[in-house]
Amino acid sequence: MNAVNAVQLFLLVWSFSTVCHGDTGVCSVSCDDVTGTVGNEVTLTCRVSEKCKEDCIKMFKFLYPENYKNSEICRQKSPGGSCEKENIFTCRYTPDAAINETIRFFMQTRSSPVKGKFTVEISGTASGLMKSTADTEALINEEAHKYMGTSETRKEEKQDRGFQLAVILAVVSCFIIIIIVVIFKVKKSESTRPRLGQKENSDTLLHNV
């Protein structure tokens, strides 16, 4: 019995070691579920096992479900055909709509592709973005009205200054005309008045006659 038990124990340990060795020899992937809100950046993260690092990682990408027309969220290739040795892969993006979907992760190694899936839940609507846009437009309109009001005020001030200048010019012109008329009348009256010497000569001539 002792020999049989020893053999069974040996087989059990060997089987367990084989299973553990098999697990460590598989290139596996695990991804974090993500929650967020519309308009705020989120980070998609997937991790691969150490076995994957031993292989040559050529490219990885994150994708929406297959029913999406443009399913690719982001993609990254190894620069210059080199081999990546990372085991954490991330993708940052800002959702513009609420979703609750299963996102796919795809990684191409030198030997075979590696795939993973995880859930992304984005809540909210684009109302916040629309409100922000509306507030911006309102601010722009307000500034435009202020500018227009300032322009109208400046225009009215220019018109007032123009009117005042016209009145001043009219008054000055009238004053000049009056002065010219007065001077003309004074000169005319002086020219028609007989001079003293001429009057004495006239009286002498009359006396002699």
C-alpha atoms as a PDB file:
ATOM      1  CA  MET A   1       0.000   0.000   0.000  1.00  0.00           C
ATOM      2  CA  ASN A   2       2.811   2.357   0.799  1.00  0.00           C
ATOM      3  CA  ALA A   3       4.362   1.744  -2.612  1.00  0.00           C
ATOM      4  CA  VAL A   4       1.017   2.345  -4.316  1.00  0.00           C
ATOM      5  CA  ASN A   5       0.470   5.554  -2.373  1.00  0.00           C
ATOM      6  CA  ALA A   6       3.947   6.730  -3.247  1.00  0.00           C
ATOM      7  CA  VAL A   7       3.315   6.098  -6.935  1.00  0.00           C
ATOM      8  CA  GLN A   8      -0.028   7.924  -6.804  1.00  0.00           C
ATOM      9  CA  LEU A   9       1.581  10.875  -5.029  1.00  0.00           C
ATOM     10  CA  PHE A  10       4.346  10.986  -7.630  1.00  0.00           C
ATOM     11  CA  LEU A  11       1.803  10.955 -10.475  1.00  0.00           C
ATOM     12  CA  LEU A  12      -0.215  13.696  -8.786  1.00  0.00           C
ATOM     13  CA  VAL A  13       2.815  15.929  -8.347  1.00  0.00           C
ATOM     14  CA  TRP A  14       3.946  15.288 -11.914  1.00  0.00           C
ATOM     15  CA  SER A  15       0.496  16.087 -13.291  1.00  0.00           C
ATOM     16  CA  PHE A  16       0.326  19.283 -11.253  1.00  0.00           C
ATOM     17  CA  SER A  17       3.780  20.344 -12.438  1.00  0.00           C
ATOM     18  CA  THR A  18       2.804  19.634 -16.031  1.00  0.00           C
ATOM     19  CA  VAL A  19      -0.342  21.739 -15.745  1.00  0.00           C
ATOM     20  CA  CYS A  20       1.527  24.616 -14.141  1.00  0.00           C
ATOM     21  CA  HIS A  21       4.225  24.461 -16.762  1.00  0.00           C
ATOM     22  CA  GLY A  22       1.612  24.469 -19.466  1.00  0.00           C
ATOM     23  CA  ASP A  23      -0.056  27.568 -17.992  1.00  0.00           C
ATOM     24  CA  THR A  24       3.165  29.518 -17.878  1.00  0.00           C
ATOM     25  CA  GLY A  25       3.943  28.556 -21.453  1.00  0.00           C
ATOM     26  CA  VAL A  26       0.757  30.108 -22.901  1.00  0.00           C
ATOM     27  CA  CYS A  27       0.644  33.676 -24.238  1.00  0.00           C
ATOM     28  CA  SER A  28      -2.505  35.066 -22.630  1.00  0.00           C
ATOM     29  CA  VAL A  29      -4.095  38.510 -22.355  1.00  0.00           C
ATOM     30  CA  SER A  30      -6.250  40.233 -19.742  1.00  0.00           C
ATOM     31  CA  CYS A  31      -7.903  43.646 -20.038  1.00  0.00           C
ATOM     32  CA  ASP A  32      -9.482  46.053 -17.551  1.00  0.00           C
ATOM     33  CA  ASP A  33     -13.134  47.011 -17.855  1.00  0.00           C
ATOM     34  CA  VAL A  34     -13.570  50.757 -18.289  1.00  0.00           C
ATOM     35  CA  THR A  35     -16.266  53.206 -17.181  1.00  0.00           C
ATOM     36  CA  GLY A  36     -16.443  56.888 -17.981  1.00  0.00           C
ATOM     37  CA  THR A  37     -18.538  59.793 -19.178  1.00  0.00           C
ATOM     38  CA  VAL A  38     -18.984  61.474 -22.524  1.00  0.00           C
ATOM     39  CA  GLY A  39     -16.369  64.103 -23.259  1.00  0.00           C
ATOM     40  CA  ASN A  40     -13.842  62.856 -20.686  1.00  0.00           C
ATOM     41  CA  GLU A  41     -10.711  60.973 -21.691  1.00  0.00           C
ATOM     42  CA  VAL A  42     -10.498  57.298 -20.733  1.00  0.00           C
ATOM     43  CA  THR A  43      -7.606  54.842 -20.932  1.00  0.00           C
ATOM     44  CA  LEU A  44      -8.008  51.348 -22.329  1.00  0.00           C
ATOM     45  CA  THR A  45      -5.509  48.910 -20.813  1.00  0.00           C
ATOM     46  CA  CYS A  46      -4.589  45.315 -21.636  1.00  0.00           C
ATOM     47  CA  ARG A  47      -1.824  43.148 -20.171  1.00  0.00           C
ATOM     48  CA  VAL A  48      -0.173  40.098 -21.666  1.00  0.00           C
ATOM     49  CA  SER A  49       1.644  37.254 -19.933  1.00  0.00           C
ATOM     50  CA  GLU A  50       5.408  36.969 -19.704  1.00  0.00           C
ATOM     51  CA  LYS A  51       5.350  34.328 -22.413  1.00  0.00           C
ATOM     52  CA  CYS A  52       4.160  36.950 -24.893  1.00  0.00           C
ATOM     53  CA  LYS A  53       7.211  39.077 -24.143  1.00  0.00           C
ATOM     54  CA  GLU A  54       9.427  36.258 -25.338  1.00  0.00           C
ATOM     55  CA  ASP A  55       7.776  36.518 -28.755  1.00  0.00           C
ATOM     56  CA  CYS A  56       8.133  39.416 -31.169  1.00  0.00           C
ATOM     57  CA  ILE A  57       5.180  41.820 -30.824  1.00  0.00           C
ATOM     58  CA  LYS A  58       4.671  43.559 -34.161  1.00  0.00           C
ATOM     59  CA  MET A  59       1.473  45.506 -33.605  1.00  0.00           C
ATOM     60  CA  PHE A  60      -1.510  45.974 -31.300  1.00  0.00           C
ATOM     61  CA  LYS A  61      -4.843  47.748 -31.614  1.00  0.00           C
ATOM     62  CA  PHE A  62      -8.125  48.359 -29.817  1.00  0.00           C
ATOM     63  CA  LEU A  63     -11.364  47.960 -31.751  1.00  0.00           C
ATOM     64  CA  TYR A  64     -15.103  48.510 -31.366  1.00  0.00           C
ATOM     65  CA  PRO A  65     -17.398  45.529 -32.029  1.00  0.00           C
ATOM     66  CA  GLU A  66     -17.417  44.221 -35.581  1.00  0.00           C
ATOM     67  CA  ASN A  67     -20.796  45.787 -36.381  1.00  0.00           C
ATOM     68  CA  TYR A  68     -19.245  49.272 -36.231  1.00  0.00           C
ATOM     69  CA  LYS A  69     -18.406  50.788 -39.597  1.00  0.00           C
ATOM     70  CA  ASN A  70     -15.154  52.314 -38.358  1.00  0.00           C
ATOM     71  CA  SER A  71     -14.257  49.819 -35.676  1.00  0.00           C
ATOM     72  CA  GLU A  72     -10.654  50.790 -35.004  1.00  0.00           C
ATOM     73  CA  ILE A  73     -10.130  52.990 -31.947  1.00  0.00           C
ATOM     74  CA  CYS A  74      -6.345  53.140 -32.017  1.00  0.00           C
ATOM     75  CA  ARG A  75      -3.419  51.211 -33.442  1.00  0.00           C
ATOM     76  CA  GLN A  76       0.306  51.130 -32.809  1.00  0.00           C
ATOM     77  CA  LYS A  77       3.042  49.366 -34.715  1.00  0.00           C
ATOM     78  CA  SER A  78       6.550  48.572 -33.607  1.00  0.00           C
ATOM     79  CA  PRO A  79       8.869  51.274 -34.986  1.00  0.00           C
ATOM     80  CA  GLY A  80      11.131  50.208 -37.817  1.00  0.00           C
ATOM     81  CA  GLY A  81       9.980  46.609 -37.724  1.00  0.00           C
ATOM     82  CA  SER A  82      11.507  46.077 -34.288  1.00  0.00           C
ATOM     83  CA  CYS A  83      10.051  43.786 -31.635  1.00  0.00           C
ATOM     84  CA  GLU A  84       8.274  45.207 -28.625  1.00  0.00           C
ATOM     85  CA  LYS A  85       8.961  43.593 -25.269  1.00  0.00           C
ATOM     86  CA  GLU A  86       6.243  45.316 -23.291  1.00  0.00           C
ATOM     87  CA  ASN A  87       3.464  43.518 -21.473  1.00  0.00           C
ATOM     88  CA  ILE A  88       1.124  46.478 -20.857  1.00  0.00           C
ATOM     89  CA  PHE A  89      -0.633  48.179 -23.774  1.00  0.00           C
ATOM     90  CA  THR A  90      -2.782  51.290 -23.432  1.00  0.00           C
ATOM     91  CA  CYS A  91      -4.941  53.508 -25.602  1.00  0.00           C
ATOM     92  CA  ARG A  92      -6.258  56.939 -24.650  1.00  0.00           C
ATOM     93  CA  TYR A  93      -9.341  58.317 -26.339  1.00  0.00           C
ATOM     94  CA  THR A  94     -12.232  60.679 -25.615  1.00  0.00           C
ATOM     95  CA  PRO A  95     -15.700  59.189 -26.270  1.00  0.00           C
ATOM     96  CA  ASP A  96     -18.231  61.490 -27.916  1.00  0.00           C
ATOM     97  CA  ALA A  97     -21.273  59.268 -27.307  1.00  0.00           C
ATOM     98  CA  ALA A  98     -22.640  56.972 -24.628  1.00  0.00           C
ATOM     99  CA  ILE A  99     -21.826  53.300 -25.215  1.00  0.00           C
ATOM    100  CA  ASN A 100     -21.952  49.971 -23.411  1.00  0.00           C
ATOM    101  CA  GLU A 101     -19.989  47.647 -25.652  1.00  0.00           C
ATOM    102  CA  THR A 102     -17.478  44.841 -25.651  1.00  0.00           C
ATOM    103  CA  ILE A 103     -14.211  46.282 -26.930  1.00  0.00           C
ATOM    104  CA  ARG A 104     -11.711  44.025 -28.659  1.00  0.00           C
ATOM    105  CA  PHE A 105      -7.949  43.929 -28.197  1.00  0.00           C
ATOM    106  CA  PHE A 106      -5.768  42.473 -30.931  1.00  0.00           C
ATOM    107  CA  MET A 107      -2.021  41.894 -30.793  1.00  0.00           C
ATOM    108  CA  GLN A 108       0.054  40.443 -33.610  1.00  0.00           C
ATOM    109  CA  THR A 109       3.135  38.496 -32.587  1.00  0.00           C
ATOM    110  CA  ARG A 110       5.714  36.829 -34.765  1.00  0.00           C
ATOM    111  CA  SER A 111       4.157  33.420 -34.222  1.00  0.00           C
ATOM    112  CA  SER A 112       0.419  33.998 -33.809  1.00  0.00           C
ATOM    113  CA  PRO A 113      -2.193  36.664 -33.015  1.00  0.00           C
ATOM    114  CA  VAL A 114      -3.403  37.257 -29.467  1.00  0.00           C
ATOM    115  CA  LYS A 115      -6.938  38.470 -28.779  1.00  0.00           C
ATOM    116  CA  GLY A 116      -8.823  39.764 -25.769  1.00  0.00           C
ATOM    117  CA  LYS A 117     -12.151  41.385 -24.890  1.00  0.00           C
ATOM    118  CA  PHE A 118     -13.407  43.712 -22.184  1.00  0.00           C
ATOM    119  CA  THR A 119     -16.352  45.984 -21.446  1.00  0.00           C
ATOM    120  CA  VAL A 120     -16.451  49.742 -21.900  1.00  0.00           C
ATOM    121  CA  GLU A 121     -19.393  51.643 -20.411  1.00  0.00           C
ATOM    122  CA  ILE A 122     -19.642  55.344 -21.209  1.00  0.00           C
ATOM    123  CA  SER A 123     -22.557  57.218 -19.665  1.00  0.00           C
ATOM    124  CA  GLY A 124     -24.045  60.623 -20.316  1.00  0.00           C
ATOM    125  CA  THR A 125     -24.826  62.499 -23.500  1.00  0.00           C
ATOM    126  CA  ALA A 126     -23.230  65.193 -25.544  1.00  0.00           C
ATOM    127  CA  SER A 127     -25.452  67.761 -23.808  1.00  0.00           C
ATOM    128  CA  GLY A 128     -22.534  68.917 -21.708  1.00  0.00           C
ATOM    129  CA  LEU A 129     -20.505  69.551 -24.829  1.00  0.00           C
ATOM    130  CA  MET A 130     -23.490  71.233 -26.474  1.00  0.00           C
ATOM    131  CA  LYS A 131     -24.002  73.418 -23.400  1.00  0.00           C
ATOM    132  CA  SER A 132     -20.349  74.378 -23.419  1.00  0.00           C
ATOM    133  CA  THR A 133     -20.590  75.217 -27.113  1.00  0.00           C
ATOM    134  CA  ALA A 134     -23.767  77.209 -26.522  1.00  0.00           C
ATOM    135  CA  ASP A 135     -22.115  79.149 -23.694  1.00  0.00           C
ATOM    136  CA  THR A 136     -19.172  79.922 -25.941  1.00  0.00           C
ATOM    137  CA  GLU A 137     -21.477  81.122 -28.715  1.00  0.00           C
ATOM    138  CA  ALA A 138     -23.423  83.260 -26.238  1.00  0.00           C
ATOM    139  CA  LEU A 139     -20.184  84.826 -25.006  1.00  0.00           C
ATOM    140  CA  ILE A 140     -19.104  85.540 -28.576  1.00  0.00           C
ATOM    141  CA  ASN A 141     -22.496  87.113 -29.363  1.00  0.00           C
ATOM    142  CA  GLU A 142     -22.308  89.222 -26.214  1.00  0.00           C
ATOM    143  CA  GLU A 143     -18.852  90.483 -27.133  1.00  0.00           C
ATOM    144  CA  ALA A 144     -20.076  91.182 -30.663  1.00  0.00           C
ATOM    145  CA  HIS A 145     -23.008  93.212 -29.318  1.00  0.00           C
ATOM    146  CA  LYS A 146     -20.658  95.125 -27.049  1.00  0.00           C
ATOM    147  CA  TYR A 147     -18.396  95.876 -29.993  1.00  0.00           C
ATOM    148  CA  MET A 148     -21.343  96.946 -32.130  1.00  0.00           C
ATOM    149  CA  GLY A 149     -22.638  99.122 -29.294  1.00  0.00           C
ATOM    150  CA  THR A 150     -19.229 100.719 -28.920  1.00  0.00           C
ATOM    151  CA  SER A 151     -19.048 101.277 -32.665  1.00  0.00           C
ATOM    152  CA  GLU A 152     -22.505 102.889 -32.668  1.00  0.00           C
ATOM    153  CA  THR A 153     -21.520 105.119 -29.750  1.00  0.00           C
ATOM    154  CA  ARG A 154     -18.345 106.185 -31.531  1.00  0.00           C
ATOM    155  CA  LYS A 155     -20.365 106.823 -34.673  1.00  0.00           C
ATOM    156  CA  GLU A 156     -22.829 109.000 -32.762  1.00  0.00           C
ATOM    157  CA  GLU A 157     -19.953 110.869 -31.109  1.00  0.00           C
ATOM    158  CA  LYS A 158     -18.420 111.510 -34.520  1.00  0.00           C
ATOM    159  CA  GLN A 159     -21.773 112.756 -35.812  1.00  0.00           C
ATOM    160  CA  ASP A 160     -22.140 115.067 -32.793  1.00  0.00           C
ATOM    161  CA  ARG A 161     -18.642 116.432 -33.298  1.00  0.00           C
ATOM    162  CA  GLY A 162     -19.387 116.947 -36.981  1.00  0.00           C
ATOM    163  CA  PHE A 163     -22.598 118.808 -36.169  1.00  0.00           C
ATOM    164  CA  GLN A 164     -20.831 121.010 -33.620  1.00  0.00           C
ATOM    165  CA  LEU A 165     -18.081 121.779 -36.114  1.00  0.00           C
ATOM    166  CA  ALA A 166     -20.663 122.705 -38.755  1.00  0.00           C
ATOM    167  CA  VAL A 167     -22.425 125.060 -36.327  1.00  0.00           C
ATOM    168  CA  ILE A 168     -19.133 126.707 -35.387  1.00  0.00           C
ATOM    169  CA  LEU A 169     -18.185 127.146 -39.045  1.00  0.00           C
ATOM    170  CA  ALA A 170     -21.607 128.627 -39.788  1.00  0.00           C
ATOM    171  CA  VAL A 171     -21.334 131.124 -36.908  1.00  0.00           C
ATOM    172  CA  VAL A 172     -17.817 132.124 -37.899  1.00  0.00           C
ATOM    173  CA  SER A 173     -18.896 132.521 -41.525  1.00  0.00           C
ATOM    174  CA  CYS A 174     -21.830 134.730 -40.523  1.00  0.00           C
ATOM    175  CA  PHE A 175     -19.551 136.826 -38.299  1.00  0.00           C
ATOM    176  CA  ILE A 176     -17.067 137.281 -41.128  1.00  0.00           C
ATOM    177  CA  ILE A 177     -19.862 138.276 -43.522  1.00  0.00           C
ATOM    178  CA  ILE A 178     -21.193 140.819 -41.024  1.00  0.00           C
ATOM    179  CA  ILE A 179     -17.728 142.312 -40.567  1.00  0.00           C
ATOM    180  CA  ILE A 180     -17.265 142.538 -44.349  1.00  0.00           C
ATOM    181  CA  VAL A 181     -20.652 144.282 -44.728  1.00  0.00           C
ATOM    182  CA  VAL A 182     -19.859 146.757 -41.954  1.00  0.00           C
ATOM    183  CA  ILE A 183     -16.462 147.531 -43.441  1.00  0.00           C
ATOM    184  CA  PHE A 184     -18.011 148.004 -46.876  1.00  0.00           C
ATOM    185  CA  LYS A 185     -20.644 150.426 -45.550  1.00  0.00           C
ATOM    186  CA  VAL A 186     -18.069 152.419 -43.599  1.00  0.00           C
ATOM    187  CA  LYS A 187     -15.868 152.803 -46.659  1.00  0.00           C
ATOM    188  CA  LYS A 188     -18.844 153.778 -48.803  1.00  0.00           C
ATOM    189  CA  SER A 189     -19.950 156.465 -46.364  1.00  0.00           C
ATOM    190  CA  GLU A 190     -16.434 157.882 -46.197  1.00  0.00           C
ATOM    191  CA  SER A 191     -16.170 158.045 -49.980  1.00  0.00           C
ATOM    192  CA  THR A 192     -19.449 160.000 -50.344  1.00  0.00           C
ATOM    193  CA  ARG A 193     -18.640 162.554 -47.551  1.00  0.00           C
ATOM    194  CA  PRO A 194     -16.998 165.827 -48.994  1.00  0.00           C
ATOM    195  CA  ARG A 195     -13.545 166.602 -47.781  1.00  0.00           C
ATOM    196  CA  LEU A 196     -12.805 169.838 -45.852  1.00  0.00           C
ATOM    197  CA  GLY A 197     -10.345 171.256 -48.410  1.00  0.00           C
ATOM    198  CA  GLN A 198     -12.738 170.753 -51.287  1.00  0.00           C
ATOM    199  CA  LYS A 199     -15.528 172.594 -49.386  1.00  0.00           C
ATOM    200  CA  GLU A 200     -13.319 175.681 -48.728  1.00  0.00           C
ATOM    201  CA  ASN A 201     -12.319 175.901 -52.384  1.00  0.00           C
ATOM    202  CA  SER A 202     -15.933 175.777 -53.406  1.00  0.00           C
ATOM    203  CA  ASP A 203     -16.854 178.613 -51.025  1.00  0.00           C
ATOM    204  CA  THR A 204     -13.971 180.807 -52.365  1.00  0.00           C
ATOM    205  CA  LEU A 205     -15.067 180.337 -55.938  1.00  0.00           C
ATOM    206  CA  LEU A 206     -18.637 181.264 -55.130  1.00  0.00           C
ATOM    207  CA  HIS A 207     -17.455 184.402 -53.287  1.00  0.00           C
ATOM    208  CA  ASN A 208     -15.357 185.569 -56.209  1.00  0.00           C
ATOM    209  CA  VAL A 209     -18.234 185.183 -58.556  1.00  0.00           C
END
